[in-house]
Amino acid sequence: MKGLLYVGLALLALWVVLTVTRAVVGGLLWVVLLVGIASLAVYAFQVASGRRQIR
């Protein structure tokens, strides 16, 4: 009976770790995406204002 309890606790811990990892990875992906869009917008603005020539 005690072994079953340990298995349940292990599964719960695994689920928590996976959920947290997924949330962190998802957050990082959003941050990377937003930073990429922002840098593209800044680059496009610089090209449009003629400060940087497209090779």
N, C-alpha and C. Protein backbone atom coordinates (compact mmCIF):
# COMPACT_ATOMS: atom_id res chain seq x y z
N MET A 1 0.83 -1.21 0.00
CA MET A 1 0.00 0.00 0.00
C MET A 1 0.87 1.26 0.00
N LYS A 2 2.00 1.19 0.73
CA LYS A 2 2.88 2.35 0.79
C LYS A 2 3.54 2.61 -0.57
N GLY A 3 3.84 1.53 -1.29
CA GLY A 3 4.45 1.68 -2.61
C GLY A 3 3.54 2.43 -3.56
N LEU A 4 2.25 2.17 -3.48
CA LEU A 4 1.27 2.84 -4.31
C LEU A 4 1.27 4.35 -4.05
N LEU A 5 1.39 4.70 -2.76
CA LEU A 5 1.42 6.11 -2.37
C LEU A 5 2.64 6.80 -2.99
N TYR A 6 3.79 6.11 -2.93
CA TYR A 6 5.02 6.68 -3.50
C TYR A 6 4.89 6.85 -5.02
N VAL A 7 4.26 5.86 -5.68
CA VAL A 7 4.06 5.96 -7.13
C VAL A 7 3.17 7.16 -7.45
N GLY A 8 2.11 7.35 -6.66
CA GLY A 8 1.21 8.48 -6.87
C GLY A 8 1.93 9.80 -6.69
N LEU A 9 2.76 9.89 -5.63
CA LEU A 9 3.52 11.11 -5.37
C LEU A 9 4.50 11.38 -6.51
N ALA A 10 5.16 10.32 -7.00
CA ALA A 10 6.12 10.46 -8.09
C ALA A 10 5.43 10.97 -9.36
N LEU A 11 4.24 10.41 -9.65
CA LEU A 11 3.49 10.84 -10.82
C LEU A 11 3.06 12.30 -10.69
N LEU A 12 2.63 12.67 -9.48
CA LEU A 12 2.21 14.05 -9.23
C LEU A 12 3.39 15.00 -9.43
N ALA A 13 4.56 14.63 -8.89
CA ALA A 13 5.76 15.45 -9.03
C ALA A 13 6.14 15.59 -10.50
N LEU A 14 6.06 14.48 -11.24
CA LEU A 14 6.39 14.48 -12.67
C LEU A 14 5.44 15.40 -13.44
N TRP A 15 4.15 15.32 -13.11
CA TRP A 15 3.15 16.17 -13.76
C TRP A 15 3.42 17.65 -13.50
N VAL A 16 3.75 17.98 -12.24
CA VAL A 16 4.05 19.37 -11.88
C VAL A 16 5.26 19.86 -12.65
N VAL A 17 6.32 19.03 -12.70
CA VAL A 17 7.55 19.41 -13.41
C VAL A 17 7.26 19.65 -14.89
N LEU A 18 6.49 18.73 -15.50
CA LEU A 18 6.17 18.87 -16.93
C LEU A 18 5.34 20.12 -17.19
N THR A 19 4.37 20.38 -16.32
CA THR A 19 3.52 21.56 -16.49
C THR A 19 4.33 22.84 -16.40
N VAL A 20 5.19 22.91 -15.37
CA VAL A 20 6.02 24.10 -15.17
C VAL A 20 6.97 24.27 -16.35
N THR A 21 7.58 23.16 -16.79
CA THR A 21 8.52 23.22 -17.92
C THR A 21 7.82 23.73 -19.17
N ARG A 22 6.62 23.20 -19.42
CA ARG A 22 5.86 23.62 -20.60
C ARG A 22 5.51 25.10 -20.53
N ALA A 23 5.13 25.56 -19.34
CA ALA A 23 4.79 26.98 -19.17
C ALA A 23 6.03 27.85 -19.42
N VAL A 24 7.17 27.44 -18.88
CA VAL A 24 8.41 28.22 -19.05
C VAL A 24 8.83 28.24 -20.51
N VAL A 25 8.79 27.07 -21.16
CA VAL A 25 9.18 26.98 -22.57
C VAL A 25 8.24 27.83 -23.43
N GLY A 26 6.93 27.75 -23.13
CA GLY A 26 5.96 28.55 -23.87
C GLY A 26 6.23 30.04 -23.70
N GLY A 27 6.53 30.45 -22.47
CA GLY A 27 6.84 31.86 -22.20
C GLY A 27 8.07 32.30 -22.96
N LEU A 28 9.11 31.44 -22.97
CA LEU A 28 10.34 31.77 -23.67
C LEU A 28 10.09 31.91 -25.17
N LEU A 29 9.26 31.00 -25.72
CA LEU A 29 8.94 31.07 -27.14
C LEU A 29 8.26 32.39 -27.48
N TRP A 30 7.31 32.81 -26.62
CA TRP A 30 6.61 34.07 -26.86
C TRP A 30 7.58 35.23 -26.81
N VAL A 31 8.51 35.21 -25.83
CA VAL A 31 9.48 36.30 -25.69
C VAL A 31 10.37 36.38 -26.93
N VAL A 32 10.85 35.20 -27.38
CA VAL A 32 11.71 35.16 -28.58
C VAL A 32 10.95 35.69 -29.79
N LEU A 33 9.69 35.27 -29.92
CA LEU A 33 8.87 35.72 -31.04
C LEU A 33 8.68 37.23 -31.03
N LEU A 34 8.35 37.78 -29.85
CA LEU A 34 8.13 39.23 -29.74
C LEU A 34 9.41 40.00 -30.00
N VAL A 35 10.54 39.51 -29.48
CA VAL A 35 11.82 40.19 -29.71
C VAL A 35 12.17 40.17 -31.19
N GLY A 36 11.93 39.02 -31.84
CA GLY A 36 12.21 38.91 -33.27
C GLY A 36 11.37 39.88 -34.08
N ILE A 37 10.09 39.99 -33.75
CA ILE A 37 9.20 40.92 -34.46
C ILE A 37 9.65 42.36 -34.23
N ALA A 38 10.02 42.68 -33.00
CA ALA A 38 10.46 44.04 -32.66
C ALA A 38 11.73 44.40 -33.42
N SER A 39 12.69 43.47 -33.46
CA SER A 39 13.95 43.76 -34.15
C SER A 39 13.73 43.90 -35.66
N LEU A 40 12.82 43.08 -36.21
CA LEU A 40 12.48 43.21 -37.64
C LEU A 40 11.84 44.57 -37.92
N ALA A 41 10.97 45.00 -37.03
CA ALA A 41 10.30 46.29 -37.21
C ALA A 41 11.32 47.42 -37.15
N VAL A 42 12.26 47.36 -36.21
CA VAL A 42 13.29 48.39 -36.09
C VAL A 42 14.16 48.40 -37.34
N TYR A 43 14.54 47.22 -37.83
CA TYR A 43 15.36 47.12 -39.04
C TYR A 43 14.63 47.70 -40.26
N ALA A 44 13.34 47.35 -40.39
CA ALA A 44 12.54 47.86 -41.51
C ALA A 44 12.42 49.38 -41.43
N PHE A 45 12.27 49.90 -40.21
CA PHE A 45 12.17 51.35 -40.02
C PHE A 45 13.47 52.04 -40.43
N GLN A 46 14.61 51.44 -40.06
CA GLN A 46 15.91 52.01 -40.42
C GLN A 46 16.10 51.99 -41.94
N VAL A 47 15.70 50.89 -42.58
CA VAL A 47 15.81 50.79 -44.04
C VAL A 47 14.91 51.84 -44.70
N ALA A 48 13.69 52.00 -44.18
CA ALA A 48 12.74 52.94 -44.75
C ALA A 48 13.24 54.37 -44.61
N SER A 49 13.90 54.68 -43.49
CA SER A 49 14.39 56.04 -43.28
C SER A 49 15.72 56.26 -44.00
N GLY A 50 16.24 55.22 -44.68
CA GLY A 50 17.41 55.37 -45.52
C GLY A 50 18.74 55.35 -44.78
N ARG A 51 18.72 54.96 -43.51
CA ARG A 51 19.97 54.91 -42.76
C ARG A 51 20.77 53.66 -43.10
N ARG A 52 20.08 52.62 -43.52
CA ARG A 52 20.76 51.36 -43.80
C ARG A 52 20.37 50.88 -45.20
N GLN A 53 21.35 50.66 -46.04
CA GLN A 53 21.06 50.20 -47.40
C GLN A 53 20.95 48.68 -47.45
N ILE A 54 19.99 48.18 -48.24
CA ILE A 54 19.89 46.73 -48.43
C ILE A 54 20.94 46.32 -49.45
N ARG A 55 21.76 45.37 -49.10
CA ARG A 55 22.84 44.96 -50.02
C ARG A 55 22.28 44.06 -51.11
